[in-house]
Amino acid sequence: MSSAPKLSPGVQKYVDAAKKILAQRDSALARMKAMKFDTLAVHGLYTVEEALERNQGAVIEPLYLSSSQAYADADELEAALAYLVPTWCYTRIANPTTYYLEWVLALLEGYRAGCDTSCLVTASGMSAIAAAVDPFLVDQKAGGPERKNFVSCIQVYGGTYQHFAVRKKKERGIDVRWVQHPYDIEDWKTKIDEDTRFLFMEMPSNPQQSFADVKALADLAHSWEVPLIVDATCATPALMRPIAHGADIVVHSLTKSITSGGLAIGGALISRKPITTKVVNDNPLFKESFAEYVKFLPYRDNGPAASPFNAMIALNDLRTLRSKMDLVSANCQKVAEHLQKNPKVYQVDYLGLPSFHLHGVAKKYMKLVDSDDGEGGEVNRYGHLMSFRVDGPPENARKVFDNFKMIYRATDLGRIKSVATIPAISTHQQQGEEARRLADVPPQLIRLCVGAEHPDDVIADLDQALRSL
C-alpha cells in the first residue's frame, strides 16, 4: 500500500506469506460478486475458510474487543506497520470486526454497479461525512491561500448543515454554496466553478424528502472533474445504490435504517474505484481507492474509530436489510396515503406518493433490489421516512406530537419502532429560522419514521393524536 526500500529477508518472509491470504480473499471476493444481494448481506467476505483457519470455526463473525494485535517478532511488526501485510494492529486504525462490516457494505453498495468499491466504517454518520469531504478541502499547493468551495443541497440533516455552515465556512473560511432546488440541474450549474472541490447531495433528504437525478448530477460533477458525494442513509443500498448511477462516494449514518435495532452508532464511507477528482495528492490510493486512502492515512491520524461492538451490532442488523426495508417502506406508503386524506394535514412529504413533486425522479432510482414487478423490473420502494404538516399554527403540530401514545417522540430515525420529531425545534433548530425557511422545514412539520409495527396501529395512533385538535 506504500512504497518501501528493499525489504530484509525476515520482512519479506511475512510479505510472501501474506500473498496467500490476499489470494484467498480475492478468490472469495470474485465468488461473492456472483451472489445475490441477500447472500452478500448474510455472508460478506466471512467465508468458511476464514472461519476454520482463523476463527476456530465460528459460524458468525467473532467480536474482537481487544484494542491491539500482537506480532510474532520485529519483522512481522515492521511489515504490518508499513501496511505491507494484512493487519489490524490497533483498533483506532482497524479491527477484524470492523473489517467484516466494511467488506459487507462495500459489496452491497457496489452490487451490480459495474465497478469495484472500498469502504471505511467510522464512529458515526457525521464522522463519515467529515472523513469524506475533508481530503478535498486541503490546499493543493503549499505556501499560500487558495480559493476553494463546494456545492451542497440545502435540504440536509441539521448536523450536516452545521458542519458545512459553521465548521467549514465560518471557522475555516471555505465557501459552501447552497442549492435550494437540487432537483433542478440548472441550479447546480450556477454554483459550480473552477474552484469547486465536490458536489454533495442528501437523498432522500431528512426531513423534506428532497431528491435529484443521480446520473445527471454525477455527469455534471464529472464534467468539472469533481466527485459527487451522496448521503443515502434513508435509502440504504437495499433501495438505491448511487455508485451504480455514477456517484463517486456514498456516506451513511449506520445508526439509522441499516442498524434499525437502535443499539449502536456508526457511519460508513463507500467509494468507487477510482473516483473523479482534480485535487492533487501524491498518494495513488487517493484516487484509486479513496475509502482505503482515508482509512490508512487521515482516519488513522484523526481517530474517529468505530467501536467493534457497534460494528457487530450493525453487521447483524443488516443481514436482513432487503426484507426489512421492503416491510417498513410498504408500511410507510400506507401511512402516507392515509395521512394525505386527513383534513387536518395540509401536506404530506413522501416520495412514494404520485402527487409528490419529486415522485417521478425518485421512481427512476428507488427500487427494492432483486425484486420482481412481474414484468422483469424491480418494485419501487421509497423508504420509511416521511413528513406531514399539520394545518394551523405551530402549536397545533406540538399538540398532535404530544398526544402520540405508541409513536416515540425522539430525534432518532430508522428504527424498527415508529419515531417522530419536530425538526424545527430539534434536529434543525440550530441552523436558524432563515436557513430552515430556505430548506423548507416549517414549525408545522412533523417528521415520522414508520417502523415494523402493523401500519393500522400506527395509523390509529396518528388519528387519535390528530383528533386532539
Protein backbone atom coordinates (compact mmCIF):
# COMPACT_ATOMS: atom_id res chain seq x y z
CA MET A 1 0.00 0.00 0.00
CA SER A 2 3.05 2.27 0.28
CA SER A 3 6.45 2.43 -1.36
CA ALA A 4 9.29 0.99 0.71
CA PRO A 5 13.03 0.35 0.43
CA LYS A 6 14.34 -3.12 -0.24
CA LEU A 7 12.95 -5.45 2.41
CA SER A 8 15.01 -7.55 4.76
CA PRO A 9 14.68 -11.34 4.37
CA GLY A 10 12.67 -11.52 7.60
CA VAL A 11 10.16 -8.90 6.49
CA GLN A 12 9.98 -10.41 3.01
CA LYS A 13 9.03 -13.74 4.58
CA TYR A 14 5.87 -12.20 6.03
CA VAL A 15 5.08 -10.35 2.81
CA ASP A 16 5.30 -13.62 0.88
CA ALA A 17 3.09 -15.41 3.41
CA ALA A 18 0.54 -12.60 3.16
CA LYS A 19 0.15 -13.23 -0.55
CA LYS A 20 -1.66 -16.48 0.25
CA ILE A 21 -4.17 -14.68 2.48
CA LEU A 22 -4.72 -11.97 -0.14
CA ALA A 23 -5.19 -14.58 -2.87
CA GLN A 24 -7.82 -16.34 -0.74
CA ARG A 25 -9.58 -13.03 -0.20
CA ASP A 26 -9.51 -12.16 -3.90
CA SER A 27 -10.96 -15.59 -4.68
CA ALA A 28 -13.72 -15.12 -2.08
CA LEU A 29 -14.46 -11.65 -3.46
CA ALA A 30 -14.80 -12.98 -7.01
CA ARG A 31 -17.05 -15.80 -5.78
CA MET A 32 -19.28 -13.49 -3.71
CA LYS A 33 -19.72 -10.98 -6.54
CA ALA A 34 -21.74 -13.64 -8.34
CA MET A 35 -24.13 -13.95 -5.38
CA LYS A 36 -27.44 -12.17 -4.79
CA PHE A 37 -27.85 -9.14 -2.53
CA ASP A 38 -29.34 -11.13 0.38
CA THR A 39 -26.45 -13.60 0.29
CA LEU A 40 -23.92 -10.77 0.38
CA ALA A 41 -25.73 -9.22 3.36
CA VAL A 42 -25.63 -12.51 5.26
CA HIS A 43 -22.08 -13.64 4.44
CA GLY A 44 -19.99 -10.72 3.21
CA LEU A 45 -16.39 -11.93 2.88
CA TYR A 46 -16.53 -14.03 6.04
CA THR A 47 -16.01 -17.42 4.42
CA VAL A 48 -15.87 -20.99 5.69
CA GLU A 49 -12.10 -20.87 5.12
CA GLU A 50 -11.80 -17.71 7.21
CA ALA A 51 -13.84 -19.31 9.98
CA LEU A 52 -11.85 -22.55 10.07
CA GLU A 53 -8.35 -21.14 9.60
CA ARG A 54 -8.51 -18.02 11.74
CA ASN A 55 -11.59 -18.12 13.98
CA GLN A 56 -11.85 -21.63 15.43
CA GLY A 57 -14.75 -22.48 13.14
CA ALA A 58 -17.06 -19.73 14.40
CA VAL A 59 -20.08 -19.63 12.07
CA ILE A 60 -20.83 -16.00 12.94
CA GLU A 61 -18.11 -13.35 12.67
CA PRO A 62 -16.38 -13.02 16.05
CA LEU A 63 -16.40 -9.83 18.06
CA TYR A 64 -12.82 -8.69 18.61
CA LEU A 65 -12.82 -6.43 21.65
CA SER A 66 -9.04 -6.38 22.06
CA SER A 67 -7.59 -2.92 21.47
CA SER A 68 -4.46 -4.20 19.74
CA GLN A 69 -2.83 -7.03 17.84
CA ALA A 70 0.35 -8.84 18.93
CA TYR A 71 3.11 -9.83 16.50
CA ALA A 72 5.49 -12.76 16.38
CA ASP A 73 8.65 -10.70 16.04
CA ALA A 74 10.13 -7.39 14.89
CA ASP A 75 9.96 -8.38 11.22
CA GLU A 76 6.20 -9.00 11.33
CA LEU A 77 5.70 -5.76 13.28
CA GLU A 78 7.65 -3.82 10.66
CA ALA A 79 5.73 -5.40 7.78
CA ALA A 80 2.39 -4.72 9.45
CA LEU A 81 3.01 -1.09 10.37
CA ALA A 82 4.28 -0.38 6.85
CA TYR A 83 0.96 -1.75 5.54
CA LEU A 84 2.80 -4.48 3.65
CA VAL A 85 0.71 -7.32 5.05
CA PRO A 86 -2.95 -7.63 6.16
CA THR A 87 -3.13 -6.40 9.73
CA TRP A 88 -5.25 -4.50 12.18
CA CYS A 89 -2.55 -3.59 14.74
CA TYR A 90 -4.68 -1.14 16.78
CA THR A 91 -8.44 -0.62 16.88
CA ARG A 92 -8.12 3.12 16.27
CA ILE A 93 -6.81 2.16 12.82
CA ALA A 94 -8.62 -1.10 12.12
CA ASN A 95 -10.15 -4.15 13.76
CA PRO A 96 -11.22 -7.56 12.42
CA THR A 97 -14.87 -6.98 13.31
CA THR A 98 -14.99 -3.59 11.60
CA TYR A 99 -13.24 -5.14 8.59
CA TYR A 100 -16.07 -7.69 8.28
CA LEU A 101 -18.60 -4.85 8.28
CA GLU A 102 -16.61 -2.82 5.75
CA TRP A 103 -16.42 -5.73 3.33
CA VAL A 104 -20.18 -6.31 3.51
CA LEU A 105 -21.01 -2.64 2.94
CA ALA A 106 -18.56 -2.35 0.05
CA LEU A 107 -20.18 -5.36 -1.61
CA LEU A 108 -23.73 -4.10 -1.04
CA GLU A 109 -23.13 -0.56 -2.31
CA GLY A 110 -21.18 -1.95 -5.23
CA TYR A 111 -23.79 -4.59 -6.06
CA ARG A 112 -24.11 -4.72 -9.87
CA ALA A 113 -22.56 -1.26 -10.09
CA GLY A 114 -20.06 -2.25 -12.77
CA CYS A 115 -17.08 -1.15 -10.70
CA ASP A 116 -15.17 -2.15 -7.58
CA THR A 117 -15.75 -0.40 -4.26
CA SER A 118 -13.99 0.09 -0.95
CA CYS A 119 -15.39 1.02 2.46
CA LEU A 120 -14.42 2.72 5.70
CA VAL A 121 -16.54 2.37 8.85
CA THR A 122 -16.49 5.28 11.32
CA ALA A 123 -17.84 6.09 14.76
CA SER A 124 -20.90 7.99 13.47
CA GLY A 125 -22.57 9.29 10.36
CA MET A 126 -21.17 12.77 10.95
CA SER A 127 -17.62 11.43 11.21
CA ALA A 128 -18.20 9.63 7.90
CA ILE A 129 -19.23 12.93 6.28
CA ALA A 130 -16.19 14.72 7.71
CA ALA A 131 -13.91 11.90 6.54
CA ALA A 132 -15.45 12.07 3.06
CA VAL A 133 -15.19 15.83 2.47
CA ASP A 134 -12.06 16.93 4.34
CA PRO A 135 -9.46 15.41 1.97
CA PHE A 136 -10.87 17.51 -0.89
CA LEU A 137 -10.58 20.75 1.08
CA VAL A 138 -6.82 20.82 1.62
CA ASP A 139 -4.64 23.21 -0.34
CA GLN A 140 -3.28 21.66 -3.49
CA LYS A 141 -0.09 23.71 -3.27
CA ALA A 142 1.70 24.59 -0.06
CA GLY A 143 2.79 28.11 0.65
CA GLY A 144 -0.27 30.28 0.24
CA PRO A 145 -4.03 30.68 0.46
CA GLU A 146 -6.20 29.09 -2.16
CA ARG A 147 -9.79 29.71 -3.15
CA LYS A 148 -11.96 26.66 -2.72
CA ASN A 149 -15.64 25.92 -2.45
CA PHE A 150 -18.08 23.06 -2.53
CA VAL A 151 -21.71 22.87 -3.57
CA SER A 152 -24.41 21.20 -1.50
CA CYS A 153 -28.17 20.92 -1.46
CA ILE A 154 -29.55 22.92 1.46
CA GLN A 155 -32.01 20.12 2.26
CA VAL A 156 -29.67 18.18 4.53
CA TYR A 157 -29.75 16.82 8.06
CA GLY A 158 -29.30 19.61 10.61
CA GLY A 159 -25.93 18.27 11.77
CA THR A 160 -24.66 18.26 8.19
CA TYR A 161 -25.82 21.85 7.75
CA GLN A 162 -23.93 22.89 10.90
CA HIS A 163 -20.81 21.05 9.80
CA PHE A 164 -20.81 22.79 6.43
CA ALA A 165 -22.01 26.24 7.51
CA VAL A 166 -20.10 26.55 10.79
CA ARG A 167 -17.15 24.14 10.83
CA LYS A 168 -16.24 24.64 7.18
CA LYS A 169 -17.45 28.11 6.22
CA LYS A 170 -17.41 30.14 9.44
CA GLU A 171 -14.38 28.56 11.11
CA ARG A 172 -12.23 27.68 8.09
CA GLY A 173 -13.39 30.18 5.50
CA ILE A 174 -14.34 27.53 2.95
CA ASP A 175 -17.21 28.66 0.78
CA VAL A 176 -20.27 26.41 0.80
CA ARG A 177 -22.71 27.20 -1.97
CA TRP A 178 -26.25 26.09 -1.22
CA VAL A 179 -28.56 24.72 -3.88
CA GLN A 180 -32.17 25.40 -2.91
CA HIS A 181 -33.76 23.34 -5.69
CA PRO A 182 -31.50 20.28 -6.10
CA TYR A 183 -33.91 18.57 -8.49
CA ASP A 184 -33.15 21.41 -10.95
CA ILE A 185 -29.78 20.70 -12.57
CA GLU A 186 -29.57 24.34 -13.69
CA ASP A 187 -29.49 25.42 -10.03
CA TRP A 188 -26.34 23.34 -9.56
CA LYS A 189 -24.74 24.72 -12.72
CA THR A 190 -24.95 28.30 -11.44
CA LYS A 191 -22.98 27.40 -8.29
CA ILE A 192 -20.02 25.47 -9.77
CA ASP A 193 -16.74 26.99 -10.91
CA GLU A 194 -13.08 26.03 -11.33
CA ASP A 195 -12.50 26.21 -7.55
CA THR A 196 -15.32 23.75 -6.70
CA ARG A 197 -13.98 20.61 -5.00
CA PHE A 198 -17.09 18.37 -4.83
CA LEU A 199 -20.88 18.25 -5.03
CA PHE A 200 -22.87 16.94 -2.05
CA MET A 201 -26.43 15.62 -2.17
CA GLU A 202 -28.55 14.00 0.53
CA MET A 203 -31.35 11.84 -0.86
CA PRO A 204 -33.97 11.21 0.22
CA SER A 205 -33.30 14.19 2.45
CA ASN A 206 -34.21 14.36 6.11
CA PRO A 207 -36.93 15.53 6.62
CA GLN A 208 -38.20 17.12 3.37
CA GLN A 209 -37.73 14.13 1.02
CA SER A 210 -35.65 16.13 -1.44
CA PHE A 211 -34.26 14.19 -4.38
CA ALA A 212 -32.28 14.67 -7.59
CA ASP A 213 -31.43 12.86 -10.79
CA VAL A 214 -28.33 10.98 -9.63
CA LYS A 215 -26.91 10.27 -13.07
CA ALA A 216 -27.39 13.82 -14.33
CA LEU A 217 -25.78 15.20 -11.18
CA ALA A 218 -22.84 12.78 -11.44
CA ASP A 219 -22.35 13.69 -15.09
CA LEU A 220 -22.33 17.39 -14.19
CA ALA A 221 -19.80 16.83 -11.40
CA HIS A 222 -17.53 14.81 -13.66
CA SER A 223 -17.67 17.47 -16.39
CA TRP A 224 -15.90 19.71 -13.85
CA GLU A 225 -13.58 16.87 -12.71
CA VAL A 226 -15.06 16.79 -9.22
CA PRO A 227 -16.68 13.92 -7.31
CA LEU A 228 -20.34 13.56 -6.41
CA ILE A 229 -20.84 12.60 -2.75
CA VAL A 230 -24.25 11.24 -1.80
CA ASP A 231 -25.68 10.73 1.67
CA ALA A 232 -28.02 7.78 1.07
CA THR A 233 -28.73 7.00 4.72
CA CYS A 234 -32.51 6.86 4.35
CA ALA A 235 -32.43 4.73 1.20
CA THR A 236 -29.80 2.16 2.21
CA PRO A 237 -28.26 0.01 -0.55
CA ALA A 238 -31.41 -2.12 -0.48
CA LEU A 239 -33.34 0.67 -2.24
CA MET A 240 -30.73 2.78 -4.04
CA ARG A 241 -27.04 2.42 -4.87
CA PRO A 242 -25.82 5.81 -6.14
CA ILE A 243 -22.44 4.44 -7.24
CA ALA A 244 -24.24 2.35 -9.87
CA HIS A 245 -25.51 5.62 -11.38
CA GLY A 246 -22.19 7.47 -11.38
CA ALA A 247 -21.73 8.80 -7.83
CA ASP A 248 -18.17 8.61 -6.54
CA ILE A 249 -18.70 8.38 -2.78
CA VAL A 250 -21.66 7.31 -0.65
CA VAL A 251 -21.96 8.04 3.07
CA HIS A 252 -24.32 6.53 5.61
CA SER A 253 -25.27 7.01 9.18
CA LEU A 254 -25.27 3.32 10.06
CA THR A 255 -27.15 4.35 13.19
CA LYS A 256 -30.33 4.72 11.16
CA SER A 257 -32.05 2.21 8.86
CA ILE A 258 -29.06 -0.11 8.48
CA THR A 259 -28.82 -0.61 12.25
CA SER A 260 -32.55 -0.36 12.83
CA GLY A 261 -32.47 -2.06 16.23
CA GLY A 262 -31.27 1.21 17.78
CA LEU A 263 -28.42 -0.28 19.82
CA ALA A 264 -25.38 1.18 18.06
CA ILE A 265 -24.00 4.32 16.45
CA GLY A 266 -21.82 4.22 13.36
CA GLY A 267 -21.05 5.67 9.97
CA ALA A 268 -19.71 4.45 6.65
CA LEU A 269 -17.93 5.87 3.62
CA ILE A 270 -18.02 3.77 0.44
CA SER A 271 -16.14 4.86 -2.69
CA ARG A 272 -15.97 3.62 -6.25
CA LYS A 273 -12.62 2.63 -7.70
CA PRO A 274 -11.44 5.07 -8.98
CA ILE A 275 -13.12 8.39 -8.10
CA THR A 276 -13.14 11.52 -10.23
CA THR A 277 -11.17 14.40 -8.72
CA LYS A 278 -8.80 17.17 -9.74
CA VAL A 279 -7.35 17.55 -6.26
CA VAL A 280 -3.63 16.84 -6.34
CA ASN A 281 -2.47 14.14 -3.94
CA ASP A 282 0.76 12.19 -4.29
CA ASN A 283 -0.69 9.02 -2.77
CA PRO A 284 -2.15 6.85 -5.57
CA LEU A 285 -4.81 5.45 -3.24
CA PHE A 286 -6.40 8.91 -3.03
CA LYS A 287 -7.91 8.48 -6.46
CA GLU A 288 -7.75 4.72 -6.97
CA SER A 289 -9.36 3.63 -3.67
CA PHE A 290 -10.46 6.70 -1.75
CA ALA A 291 -12.01 4.87 1.23
CA GLU A 292 -8.79 2.94 1.78
CA TYR A 293 -6.75 6.13 1.49
CA VAL A 294 -8.86 7.75 4.20
CA LYS A 295 -8.67 4.65 6.38
CA PHE A 296 -4.90 4.23 6.28
CA LEU A 297 -3.95 7.92 6.49
CA PRO A 298 -6.35 10.73 7.62
CA TYR A 299 -8.63 8.40 9.59
CA ARG A 300 -5.61 6.76 11.23
CA ASP A 301 -4.34 10.16 12.34
CA ASN A 302 -7.67 11.76 13.29
CA GLY A 303 -9.07 8.73 15.12
CA PRO A 304 -12.87 8.65 14.54
CA ALA A 305 -12.77 4.89 15.09
CA ALA A 306 -15.89 2.76 15.26
CA SER A 307 -16.40 0.57 18.30
CA PRO A 308 -16.05 -3.13 17.36
CA PHE A 309 -19.14 -3.83 19.44
CA ASN A 310 -21.14 -1.28 17.45
CA ALA A 311 -19.77 -2.75 14.23
CA MET A 312 -21.00 -6.19 15.28
CA ILE A 313 -24.49 -4.83 16.05
CA ALA A 314 -24.61 -3.19 12.61
CA LEU A 315 -23.30 -6.32 10.93
CA ASN A 316 -26.07 -8.44 12.41
CA ASP A 317 -28.83 -5.89 11.78
CA LEU A 318 -28.06 -5.57 8.08
CA ARG A 319 -28.24 -9.30 7.32
CA THR A 320 -31.98 -8.90 6.62
CA LEU A 321 -31.72 -5.38 5.19
CA ARG A 322 -33.60 -6.02 1.95
CA SER A 323 -36.66 -7.68 3.51
CA LYS A 324 -36.68 -5.17 6.35
CA MET A 325 -36.64 -2.16 4.01
CA ASP A 326 -39.36 -3.78 1.93
CA LEU A 327 -41.58 -4.12 5.02
CA VAL A 328 -41.06 -0.66 6.51
CA SER A 329 -41.35 1.01 3.09
CA ALA A 330 -44.70 -0.68 2.46
CA ASN A 331 -45.85 0.38 5.93
CA CYS A 332 -44.80 3.98 5.32
CA GLN A 333 -46.56 4.03 1.97
CA LYS A 334 -49.84 3.02 3.62
CA VAL A 335 -49.43 5.61 6.41
CA ALA A 336 -48.58 8.39 3.94
CA GLU A 337 -51.60 7.60 1.77
CA HIS A 338 -53.85 7.69 4.83
CA LEU A 339 -52.48 10.99 6.15
CA GLN A 340 -52.94 12.58 2.75
CA LYS A 341 -56.70 12.23 3.23
CA ASN A 342 -56.80 13.85 6.69
CA PRO A 343 -58.25 17.40 6.57
CA LYS A 344 -56.04 18.46 9.49
CA VAL A 345 -52.90 17.74 7.44
CA TYR A 346 -52.17 20.26 4.70
CA GLN A 347 -49.17 18.48 3.13
CA VAL A 348 -47.56 15.04 3.19
CA ASP A 349 -43.95 14.75 2.02
CA TYR A 350 -43.23 11.24 0.80
CA LEU A 351 -41.57 10.16 -2.42
CA GLY A 352 -43.97 7.24 -2.79
CA LEU A 353 -47.00 9.49 -3.32
CA PRO A 354 -47.71 10.12 -7.02
CA SER A 355 -48.84 13.64 -6.07
CA PHE A 356 -45.45 14.50 -4.51
CA HIS A 357 -43.49 16.72 -6.88
CA LEU A 358 -40.37 14.51 -6.85
CA HIS A 359 -42.14 11.18 -7.22
CA GLY A 360 -41.18 10.88 -10.89
CA VAL A 361 -37.42 11.24 -10.46
CA ALA A 362 -37.41 9.10 -7.30
CA LYS A 363 -39.25 6.35 -9.19
CA LYS A 364 -36.24 6.05 -11.54
CA TYR A 365 -33.86 5.21 -8.71
CA MET A 366 -35.71 3.98 -5.60
CA LYS A 367 -36.25 0.27 -6.23
CA LEU A 368 -36.12 -2.77 -3.99
CA VAL A 369 -33.05 -4.67 -5.07
CA ASP A 370 -33.61 -8.15 -6.55
CA SER A 371 -37.40 -7.74 -6.51
CA ASP A 372 -39.73 -8.55 -9.39
CA ASP A 373 -42.69 -6.47 -10.51
CA GLY A 374 -43.91 -9.27 -12.77
CA GLU A 375 -42.64 -7.54 -15.91
CA GLY A 376 -38.93 -8.04 -15.49
CA GLY A 377 -38.37 -4.90 -13.45
CA GLU A 378 -37.81 -4.17 -9.79
CA VAL A 379 -40.53 -2.98 -7.43
CA ASN A 380 -40.44 0.65 -6.34
CA ARG A 381 -39.98 1.22 -2.63
CA TYR A 382 -39.43 4.65 -1.09
CA GLY A 383 -38.14 4.05 2.44
CA HIS A 384 -39.70 4.60 5.84
CA LEU A 385 -39.02 8.30 6.36
CA MET A 386 -41.81 10.79 5.65
CA SER A 387 -43.09 14.11 6.96
CA PHE A 388 -46.53 15.64 7.36
CA ARG A 389 -47.52 19.23 8.02
CA VAL A 390 -50.30 19.97 10.48
CA ASP A 391 -52.78 22.64 9.49
CA GLY A 392 -52.88 25.81 11.54
CA PRO A 393 -50.27 27.46 13.80
CA PRO A 394 -47.15 25.64 15.08
CA GLU A 395 -48.92 24.97 18.37
CA ASN A 396 -51.16 22.51 16.54
CA ALA A 397 -48.20 20.40 15.46
CA ARG A 398 -46.90 20.38 19.03
CA LYS A 399 -50.30 19.31 20.34
CA VAL A 400 -50.52 16.42 17.87
CA PHE A 401 -46.94 15.44 18.67
CA ASP A 402 -47.58 15.47 22.43
CA ASN A 403 -50.62 13.21 22.04
CA PHE A 404 -48.86 10.24 20.44
CA LYS A 405 -49.39 7.14 22.57
CA MET A 406 -47.36 4.49 20.72
CA ILE A 407 -45.13 6.53 18.42
CA TYR A 408 -41.96 7.57 20.22
CA ARG A 409 -41.01 11.25 20.48
CA ALA A 410 -37.28 11.35 19.76
CA THR A 411 -34.74 12.86 17.35
CA ASP A 412 -33.88 9.36 16.12
CA LEU A 413 -34.96 7.78 12.86
CA GLY A 414 -34.59 4.50 11.01
CA ARG A 415 -35.78 2.47 13.95
CA ILE A 416 -37.72 -0.77 13.89
CA LYS A 417 -40.15 1.20 16.09
CA SER A 418 -42.00 4.25 14.76
CA VAL A 419 -40.38 7.50 15.88
CA ALA A 420 -41.37 11.14 15.32
CA THR A 421 -39.87 14.56 15.94
CA ILE A 422 -40.49 18.21 15.10
CA PRO A 423 -37.29 19.14 13.21
CA ALA A 424 -37.71 22.92 13.63
CA ILE A 425 -37.25 22.55 17.40
CA SER A 426 -34.86 19.59 17.37
CA THR A 427 -32.65 18.31 14.54
CA HIS A 428 -32.73 21.60 12.59
CA GLN A 429 -33.08 24.06 15.47
CA GLN A 430 -29.51 25.39 15.40
CA GLN A 431 -29.44 26.39 11.76
CA GLY A 432 -31.81 29.29 12.36
CA GLU A 433 -35.16 30.41 11.00
CA GLU A 434 -33.93 31.76 7.65
CA ALA A 435 -31.96 28.61 6.81
CA ARG A 436 -34.95 26.48 7.83
CA ARG A 437 -37.13 28.55 5.52
CA LEU A 438 -34.75 28.01 2.60
CA ALA A 439 -34.57 24.28 3.41
CA ASP A 440 -38.38 24.07 3.74
CA VAL A 441 -38.52 23.00 7.39
CA PRO A 442 -41.52 24.86 8.83
CA PRO A 443 -42.53 24.53 12.52
CA GLN A 444 -45.75 22.75 11.46
CA LEU A 445 -43.76 19.83 10.03
CA ILE A 446 -43.63 16.53 11.93
CA ARG A 447 -41.08 14.03 10.73
CA LEU A 448 -42.22 10.42 11.05
CA CYS A 449 -40.14 7.31 10.52
CA VAL A 450 -42.52 4.37 10.26
CA GLY A 451 -41.35 1.15 11.85
CA ALA A 452 -42.26 -2.52 11.53
CA GLU A 453 -45.45 -2.34 13.59
CA HIS A 454 -48.67 -3.17 11.78
CA PRO A 455 -49.44 0.01 9.81
CA ASP A 456 -53.05 0.03 11.03
CA ASP A 457 -51.80 0.56 14.58
CA VAL A 458 -49.53 3.42 13.52
CA ILE A 459 -52.46 4.99 11.67
CA ALA A 460 -54.70 4.60 14.70
CA ASP A 461 -52.17 6.44 16.87
CA LEU A 462 -51.86 9.25 14.31
CA ASP A 463 -55.64 9.56 14.00
CA GLN A 464 -56.23 9.81 17.73
CA ALA A 465 -53.48 12.42 18.04
CA LEU A 466 -54.91 14.49 15.17
CA ARG A 467 -58.36 14.32 16.79
CA SER A 468 -56.92 16.34 19.67
CA LEU A 469 -57.13 19.46 17.51
